[in-house]
């Protein structure tokens, strides 16, 4: 129920996840990338660090959202 609330509230375009609880996440329509798979595939990518501006990113682009425990009601998202 908590994950369903967070998914609806955050409206993610992509999820990075480990294998724990993956069945719940796969039931969503959002693409899920398993971290284990991403680490294996990462060796095929360049190790060069690009400047954010080179790929069109600036300080207004959201990197991720962390959710609180929700002890006072629904979890609250903190945008980073």
PDB file of N, CA and C in Angstrom:
ATOM      1  N   UNK A   1       0.827  -1.183   0.000  1.00  0.00           N
ATOM      2  CA  UNK A   1       0.000   0.000   0.000  1.00  0.00           C
ATOM      3  C   UNK A   1       0.881   1.261   0.000  1.00  0.00           C
ATOM      4  N   UNK A   2       1.939   1.213   0.812  1.00  0.00           N
ATOM      5  CA  UNK A   2       2.866   2.356   0.887  1.00  0.00           C
ATOM      6  C   UNK A   2       3.554   2.579  -0.455  1.00  0.00           C
ATOM      7  N   UNK A   3       4.041   1.494  -1.060  1.00  0.00           N
ATOM      8  CA  UNK A   3       4.700   1.611  -2.361  1.00  0.00           C
ATOM      9  C   UNK A   3       3.743   2.119  -3.429  1.00  0.00           C
ATOM     10  N   UNK A   4       2.512   1.659  -3.384  1.00  0.00           N
ATOM     11  CA  UNK A   4       1.515   2.118  -4.359  1.00  0.00           C
ATOM     12  C   UNK A   4       1.285   3.620  -4.205  1.00  0.00           C
ATOM     13  N   UNK A   5       1.223   4.099  -2.965  1.00  0.00           N
ATOM     14  CA  UNK A   5       1.047   5.531  -2.734  1.00  0.00           C
ATOM     15  C   UNK A   5       2.243   6.309  -3.286  1.00  0.00           C
ATOM     16  N   UNK A   6       3.441   5.854  -2.977  1.00  0.00           N
ATOM     17  CA  UNK A   6       4.654   6.546  -3.424  1.00  0.00           C
ATOM     18  C   UNK A   6       4.735   6.562  -4.944  1.00  0.00           C
ATOM     19  N   UNK A   7       4.413   5.451  -5.577  1.00  0.00           N
ATOM     20  CA  UNK A   7       4.448   5.387  -7.040  1.00  0.00           C
ATOM     21  C   UNK A   7       3.481   6.399  -7.645  1.00  0.00           C
ATOM     22  N   UNK A   8       2.293   6.494  -7.092  1.00  0.00           N
ATOM     23  CA  UNK A   8       1.311   7.442  -7.626  1.00  0.00           C
ATOM     24  C   UNK A   8       1.758   8.882  -7.374  1.00  0.00           C
ATOM     25  N   UNK A   9       2.262   9.142  -6.185  1.00  0.00           N
ATOM     26  CA  UNK A   9       2.668  10.501  -5.814  1.00  0.00           C
ATOM     27  C   UNK A   9       3.876  10.974  -6.615  1.00  0.00           C
ATOM     28  N   UNK A  10       4.867  10.113  -6.801  1.00  0.00           N
ATOM     29  CA  UNK A  10       6.113  10.498  -7.469  1.00  0.00           C
ATOM     30  C   UNK A  10       6.000  10.499  -8.991  1.00  0.00           C
ATOM     31  N   UNK A  11       5.134   9.672  -9.531  1.00  0.00           N
ATOM     32  CA  UNK A  11       4.997   9.534 -10.991  1.00  0.00           C
ATOM     33  C   UNK A  11       6.354   9.350 -11.672  1.00  0.00           C
ATOM     34  N   UNK A  12       7.126   8.330 -11.248  1.00  0.00           N
ATOM     35  CA  UNK A  12       8.464   8.151 -11.831  1.00  0.00           C
ATOM     36  C   UNK A  12       8.404   7.700 -13.283  1.00  0.00           C
ATOM     37  N   UNK A  13       9.459   8.005 -14.010  1.00  0.00           N
ATOM     38  CA  UNK A  13       9.591   7.546 -15.400  1.00  0.00           C
ATOM     39  C   UNK A  13      10.404   6.271 -15.472  1.00  0.00           C
ATOM     40  N   UNK A  14      11.191   6.011 -14.424  1.00  0.00           N
ATOM     41  CA  UNK A  14      12.076   4.851 -14.379  1.00  0.00           C
ATOM     42  C   UNK A  14      12.367   4.544 -12.923  1.00  0.00           C
ATOM     43  N   UNK A  15      12.475   3.255 -12.600  1.00  0.00           N
ATOM     44  CA  UNK A  15      12.824   2.846 -11.247  1.00  0.00           C
ATOM     45  C   UNK A  15      14.131   2.072 -11.263  1.00  0.00           C
ATOM     46  N   UNK A  16      15.022   2.416 -10.348  1.00  0.00           N
ATOM     47  CA  UNK A  16      16.220   1.625 -10.104  1.00  0.00           C
ATOM     48  C   UNK A  16      15.942   0.834  -8.845  1.00  0.00           C
ATOM     49  N   UNK A  17      16.115  -0.474  -8.891  1.00  0.00           N
ATOM     50  CA  UNK A  17      15.746  -1.299  -7.744  1.00  0.00           C
ATOM     51  C   UNK A  17      16.680  -2.487  -7.594  1.00  0.00           C
ATOM     52  N   UNK A  18      16.745  -2.999  -6.364  1.00  0.00           N
ATOM     53  CA  UNK A  18      17.421  -4.276  -6.164  1.00  0.00           C
ATOM     54  C   UNK A  18      16.345  -5.359  -6.223  1.00  0.00           C
ATOM     55  N   UNK A  19      16.734  -6.592  -6.033  1.00  0.00           N
ATOM     56  CA  UNK A  19      15.802  -7.700  -6.216  1.00  0.00           C
ATOM     57  C   UNK A  19      14.746  -7.776  -5.111  1.00  0.00           C
ATOM     58  N   UNK A  20      14.966  -7.126  -3.976  1.00  0.00           N
ATOM     59  CA  UNK A  20      14.016  -7.158  -2.871  1.00  0.00           C
ATOM     60  C   UNK A  20      12.729  -6.438  -3.262  1.00  0.00           C
ATOM     61  N   UNK A  21      11.619  -7.126  -3.193  1.00  0.00           N
ATOM     62  CA  UNK A  21      10.333  -6.513  -3.487  1.00  0.00           C
ATOM     63  C   UNK A  21      10.090  -6.206  -4.950  1.00  0.00           C
ATOM     64  N   UNK A  22      10.873  -6.794  -5.821  1.00  0.00           N
ATOM     65  CA  UNK A  22      10.755  -6.477  -7.245  1.00  0.00           C
ATOM     66  C   UNK A  22       9.397  -6.875  -7.817  1.00  0.00           C
ATOM     67  N   UNK A  23       8.771  -7.895  -7.247  1.00  0.00           N
ATOM     68  CA  UNK A  23       7.465  -8.315  -7.743  1.00  0.00           C
ATOM     69  C   UNK A  23       6.433  -7.199  -7.621  1.00  0.00           C
ATOM     70  N   UNK A  24       6.486  -6.439  -6.537  1.00  0.00           N
ATOM     71  CA  UNK A  24       5.561  -5.324  -6.344  1.00  0.00           C
ATOM     72  C   UNK A  24       5.820  -4.253  -7.393  1.00  0.00           C
ATOM     73  N   UNK A  25       7.079  -3.965  -7.658  1.00  0.00           N
ATOM     74  CA  UNK A  25       7.433  -2.909  -8.595  1.00  0.00           C
ATOM     75  C   UNK A  25       7.130  -3.302 -10.034  1.00  0.00           C
ATOM     76  N   UNK A  26       7.297  -4.564 -10.370  1.00  0.00           N
ATOM     77  CA  UNK A  26       7.056  -5.003 -11.746  1.00  0.00           C
ATOM     78  C   UNK A  26       5.584  -4.920 -12.124  1.00  0.00           C
ATOM     79  N   UNK A  27       4.706  -4.841 -11.133  1.00  0.00           N
ATOM     80  CA  UNK A  27       3.280  -4.749 -11.444  1.00  0.00           C
ATOM     81  C   UNK A  27       2.904  -3.348 -11.935  1.00  0.00           C
ATOM     82  N   UNK A  28       3.820  -2.407 -11.826  1.00  0.00           N
ATOM     83  CA  UNK A  28       3.541  -1.049 -12.301  1.00  0.00           C
ATOM     84  C   UNK A  28       3.873  -0.950 -13.784  1.00  0.00           C
ATOM     85  N   UNK A  29       3.418   0.134 -14.401  1.00  0.00           N
ATOM     86  CA  UNK A  29       3.703   0.338 -15.817  1.00  0.00           C
ATOM     87  C   UNK A  29       5.028   1.067 -16.034  1.00  0.00           C
ATOM     88  N   UNK A  30       5.736   1.390 -14.954  1.00  0.00           N
ATOM     89  CA  UNK A  30       7.007   2.106 -15.024  1.00  0.00           C
ATOM     90  C   UNK A  30       8.133   1.102 -15.274  1.00  0.00           C
ATOM     91  N   UNK A  31       9.032   1.394 -16.206  1.00  0.00           N
ATOM     92  CA  UNK A  31      10.169   0.489 -16.437  1.00  0.00           C
ATOM     93  C   UNK A  31      11.036   0.361 -15.179  1.00  0.00           C
ATOM     94  N   UNK A  32      11.449  -0.863 -14.875  1.00  0.00           N
ATOM     95  CA  UNK A  32      12.291  -1.142 -13.710  1.00  0.00           C
ATOM     96  C   UNK A  32      13.640  -1.645 -14.191  1.00  0.00           C
ATOM     97  N   UNK A  33      14.709  -1.026 -13.700  1.00  0.00           N
ATOM     98  CA  UNK A  33      16.067  -1.463 -14.005  1.00  0.00           C
ATOM     99  C   UNK A  33      16.643  -2.061 -12.732  1.00  0.00           C
ATOM    100  N   UNK A  34      17.002  -3.335 -12.783  1.00  0.00           N
ATOM    101  CA  UNK A  34      17.622  -3.978 -11.623  1.00  0.00           C
ATOM    102  C   UNK A  34      19.068  -3.505 -11.502  1.00  0.00           C
ATOM    103  N   UNK A  35      19.444  -3.090 -10.303  1.00  0.00           N
ATOM    104  CA  UNK A  35      20.785  -2.570 -10.093  1.00  0.00           C
ATOM    105  C   UNK A  35      21.861  -3.597 -10.442  1.00  0.00           C
ATOM    106  N   UNK A  36      21.611  -4.876 -10.151  1.00  0.00           N
ATOM    107  CA  UNK A  36      22.577  -5.918 -10.486  1.00  0.00           C
ATOM    108  C   UNK A  36      22.851  -5.930 -11.986  1.00  0.00           C
ATOM    109  N   UNK A  37      21.782  -5.814 -12.771  1.00  0.00           N
ATOM    110  CA  UNK A  37      21.925  -5.799 -14.225  1.00  0.00           C
ATOM    111  C   UNK A  37      22.640  -4.537 -14.695  1.00  0.00           C
ATOM    112  N   UNK A  38      22.325  -3.411 -14.070  1.00  0.00           N
ATOM    113  CA  UNK A  38      22.933  -2.136 -14.460  1.00  0.00           C
ATOM    114  C   UNK A  38      24.434  -2.160 -14.208  1.00  0.00           C
ATOM    115  N   UNK A  39      24.870  -2.747 -13.102  1.00  0.00           N
ATOM    116  CA  UNK A  39      26.296  -2.815 -12.805  1.00  0.00           C
ATOM    117  C   UNK A  39      27.029  -3.666 -13.843  1.00  0.00           C
ATOM    118  N   UNK A  40      26.402  -4.752 -14.251  1.00  0.00           N
ATOM    119  CA  UNK A  40      27.011  -5.625 -15.254  1.00  0.00           C
ATOM    120  C   UNK A  40      27.126  -4.918 -16.604  1.00  0.00           C
ATOM    121  N   UNK A  41      26.132  -4.128 -16.952  1.00  0.00           N
ATOM    122  CA  UNK A  41      26.116  -3.433 -18.236  1.00  0.00           C
ATOM    123  C   UNK A  41      26.982  -2.180 -18.232  1.00  0.00           C
ATOM    124  N   UNK A  42      27.292  -1.656 -17.056  1.00  0.00           N
ATOM    125  CA  UNK A  42      28.026  -0.388 -16.957  1.00  0.00           C
ATOM    126  C   UNK A  42      29.416  -0.460 -17.565  1.00  0.00           C
ATOM    127  N   UNK A  43      30.005  -1.623 -17.611  1.00  0.00           N
ATOM    128  CA  UNK A  43      31.358  -1.736 -18.159  1.00  0.00           C
ATOM    129  C   UNK A  43      31.395  -1.397 -19.653  1.00  0.00           C
ATOM    130  N   UNK A  44      30.242  -1.418 -20.299  1.00  0.00           N
ATOM    131  CA  UNK A  44      30.189  -1.103 -21.725  1.00  0.00           C
ATOM    132  C   UNK A  44      30.159   0.412 -21.987  1.00  0.00           C
ATOM    133  N   UNK A  45      29.970   1.202 -20.939  1.00  0.00           N
ATOM    134  CA  UNK A  45      29.871   2.655 -21.093  1.00  0.00           C
ATOM    135  C   UNK A  45      31.204   3.332 -20.835  1.00  0.00           C
ATOM    136  N   UNK A  46      31.345   4.516 -21.359  1.00  0.00           N
ATOM    137  CA  UNK A  46      32.550   5.316 -21.176  1.00  0.00           C
ATOM    138  C   UNK A  46      32.729   5.678 -19.705  1.00  0.00           C
ATOM    139  N   UNK A  47      33.954   5.750 -19.253  1.00  0.00           N
ATOM    140  CA  UNK A  47      34.245   6.169 -17.885  1.00  0.00           C
ATOM    141  C   UNK A  47      34.469   7.676 -17.802  1.00  0.00           C
ATOM    142  N   UNK A  48      34.369   8.363 -18.936  1.00  0.00           N
ATOM    143  CA  UNK A  48      34.557   9.808 -18.967  1.00  0.00           C
ATOM    144  C   UNK A  48      33.394  10.506 -18.261  1.00  0.00           C
ATOM    145  N   UNK A  49      33.711  11.434 -17.377  1.00  0.00           N
ATOM    146  CA  UNK A  49      32.685  12.223 -16.701  1.00  0.00           C
ATOM    147  C   UNK A  49      32.348  13.432 -17.556  1.00  0.00           C
ATOM    148  N   UNK A  50      31.104  13.493 -17.995  1.00  0.00           N
ATOM    149  CA  UNK A  50      30.654  14.618 -18.805  1.00  0.00           C
ATOM    150  C   UNK A  50      30.141  15.722 -17.900  1.00  0.00           C
ATOM    151  N   UNK A  51      30.321  16.951 -18.319  1.00  0.00           N
ATOM    152  CA  UNK A  51      29.736  18.069 -17.595  1.00  0.00           C
ATOM    153  C   UNK A  51      28.231  18.055 -17.820  1.00  0.00           C
ATOM    154  N   UNK A  52      27.445  18.335 -16.785  1.00  0.00           N
ATOM    155  CA  UNK A  52      25.986  18.320 -16.950  1.00  0.00           C
ATOM    156  C   UNK A  52      25.514  19.166 -18.126  1.00  0.00           C
ATOM    157  N   UNK A  53      26.116  20.331 -18.321  1.00  0.00           N
ATOM    158  CA  UNK A  53      25.697  21.211 -19.422  1.00  0.00           C
ATOM    159  C   UNK A  53      25.917  20.562 -20.790  1.00  0.00           C
ATOM    160  N   UNK A  54      26.920  19.685 -20.876  1.00  0.00           N
ATOM    161  CA  UNK A  54      27.199  19.009 -22.148  1.00  0.00           C
ATOM    162  C   UNK A  54      26.058  18.090 -22.579  1.00  0.00           C
ATOM    163  N   UNK A  55      25.308  17.595 -21.618  1.00  0.00           N
ATOM    164  CA  UNK A  55      24.200  16.694 -21.952  1.00  0.00           C
ATOM    165  C   UNK A  55      22.837  17.354 -21.676  1.00  0.00           C
ATOM    166  N   UNK A  56      22.857  18.684 -21.509  1.00  0.00           N
ATOM    167  CA  UNK A  56      21.616  19.432 -21.389  1.00  0.00           C
ATOM    168  C   UNK A  56      21.000  19.472 -19.999  1.00  0.00           C
ATOM    169  N   UNK A  57      21.779  19.182 -18.968  1.00  0.00           N
ATOM    170  CA  UNK A  57      21.245  19.216 -17.606  1.00  0.00           C
ATOM    171  C   UNK A  57      21.634  20.499 -16.902  1.00  0.00           C
ATOM    172  N   UNK A  58      20.746  20.937 -16.003  1.00  0.00           N
ATOM    173  CA  UNK A  58      21.062  22.093 -15.167  1.00  0.00           C
ATOM    174  C   UNK A  58      20.496  21.849 -13.773  1.00  0.00           C
ATOM    175  N   UNK A  59      20.577  22.836 -12.897  1.00  0.00           N
ATOM    176  CA  UNK A  59      20.167  22.667 -11.501  1.00  0.00           C
ATOM    177  C   UNK A  59      18.663  22.450 -11.338  1.00  0.00           C
ATOM    178  N   UNK A  60      17.896  22.626 -12.374  1.00  0.00           N
ATOM    179  CA  UNK A  60      16.449  22.423 -12.288  1.00  0.00           C
ATOM    180  C   UNK A  60      16.041  20.982 -12.575  1.00  0.00           C
ATOM    181  N   UNK A  61      16.978  20.146 -12.991  1.00  0.00           N
ATOM    182  CA  UNK A  61      16.664  18.743 -13.270  1.00  0.00           C
ATOM    183  C   UNK A  61      16.688  17.935 -11.971  1.00  0.00           C
ATOM    184  N   UNK A  62      15.653  17.175 -11.759  1.00  0.00           N
ATOM    185  CA  UNK A  62      15.506  16.351 -10.566  1.00  0.00           C
ATOM    186  C   UNK A  62      16.281  15.048 -10.736  1.00  0.00           C
ATOM    187  N   UNK A  63      17.077  14.696  -9.746  1.00  0.00           N
ATOM    188  CA  UNK A  63      17.844  13.455  -9.801  1.00  0.00           C
ATOM    189  C   UNK A  63      17.088  12.298  -9.154  1.00  0.00           C
ATOM    190  N   UNK A  64      16.480  12.549  -8.009  1.00  0.00           N
ATOM    191  CA  UNK A  64      15.741  11.493  -7.321  1.00  0.00           C
ATOM    192  C   UNK A  64      14.851  12.084  -6.240  1.00  0.00           C
ATOM    193  N   UNK A  65      13.945  11.263  -5.724  1.00  0.00           N
ATOM    194  CA  UNK A  65      13.055  11.649  -4.636  1.00  0.00           C
ATOM    195  C   UNK A  65      13.227  10.630  -3.521  1.00  0.00           C
ATOM    196  N   UNK A  66      13.426  11.129  -2.304  1.00  0.00           N
ATOM    197  CA  UNK A  66      13.511  10.275  -1.112  1.00  0.00           C
ATOM    198  C   UNK A  66      12.210  10.469  -0.341  1.00  0.00           C
ATOM    199  N   UNK A  67      11.598   9.382   0.106  1.00  0.00           N
ATOM    200  CA  UNK A  67      10.362   9.477   0.872  1.00  0.00           C
ATOM    201  C   UNK A  67      10.616   9.233   2.352  1.00  0.00           C
ATOM    202  N   UNK A  68       9.929  10.019   3.191  1.00  0.00           N
ATOM    203  CA  UNK A  68      10.021   9.873   4.638  1.00  0.00           C
ATOM    204  C   UNK A  68       9.272   8.619   5.075  1.00  0.00           C
ATOM    205  N   UNK A  69       9.358   8.318   6.333  1.00  0.00           N
ATOM    206  CA  UNK A  69       8.691   7.125   6.861  1.00  0.00           C
ATOM    207  C   UNK A  69       7.178   7.253   6.850  1.00  0.00           C
ATOM    208  N   UNK A  70       6.678   8.451   6.861  1.00  0.00           N
ATOM    209  CA  UNK A  70       5.231   8.631   6.862  1.00  0.00           C
ATOM    210  C   UNK A  70       4.612   8.457   8.227  1.00  0.00           C
ATOM    211  N   UNK A  71       5.389   8.659   9.284  1.00  0.00           N
ATOM    212  CA  UNK A  71       4.897   8.435  10.644  1.00  0.00           C
ATOM    213  C   UNK A  71       3.757   9.369  11.026  1.00  0.00           C
ATOM    214  N   UNK A  72       3.608  10.487  10.338  1.00  0.00           N
ATOM    215  CA  UNK A  72       2.524  11.423  10.642  1.00  0.00           C
ATOM    216  C   UNK A  72       1.391  11.309   9.631  1.00  0.00           C
ATOM    217  N   UNK A  73       1.356  10.262   8.863  1.00  0.00           N
ATOM    218  CA  UNK A  73       0.336  10.084   7.820  1.00  0.00           C
ATOM    219  C   UNK A  73       0.979   9.480   6.599  1.00  0.00           C
ATOM    220  N   UNK A  74       0.694  10.021   5.413  1.00  0.00           N
ATOM    221  CA  UNK A  74       1.297   9.529   4.182  1.00  0.00           C
ATOM    222  C   UNK A  74       2.768   9.929   4.099  1.00  0.00           C
ATOM    223  N   UNK A  75       3.599   9.102   3.452  1.00  0.00           N
ATOM    224  CA  UNK A  75       4.995   9.466   3.265  1.00  0.00           C
ATOM    225  C   UNK A  75       5.112  10.784   2.479  1.00  0.00           C
ATOM    226  N   UNK A  76       6.120  11.549   2.800  1.00  0.00           N
ATOM    227  CA  UNK A  76       6.349  12.829   2.108  1.00  0.00           C
ATOM    228  C   UNK A  76       7.602  12.711   1.251  1.00  0.00           C
ATOM    229  N   UNK A  77       7.534  13.169   0.005  1.00  0.00           N
ATOM    230  CA  UNK A  77       8.662  13.111  -0.902  1.00  0.00           C
ATOM    231  C   UNK A  77       9.552  14.344  -0.782  1.00  0.00           C
ATOM    232  N   UNK A  78      10.850  14.120  -0.759  1.00  0.00           N
ATOM    233  CA  UNK A  78      11.821  15.207  -0.734  1.00  0.00           C
ATOM    234  C   UNK A  78      12.594  15.133  -2.052  1.00  0.00           C
ATOM    235  N   UNK A  79      12.483  16.190  -2.864  1.00  0.00           N
ATOM    236  CA  UNK A  79      13.092  16.202  -4.192  1.00  0.00           C
ATOM    237  C   UNK A  79      14.552  16.634  -4.126  1.00  0.00           C
ATOM    238  N   UNK A  80      15.419  15.896  -4.779  1.00  0.00           N
ATOM    239  CA  UNK A  80      16.838  16.213  -4.833  1.00  0.00           C
ATOM    240  C   UNK A  80      17.301  16.301  -6.274  1.00  0.00           C
TER     241      UNK A  80
END
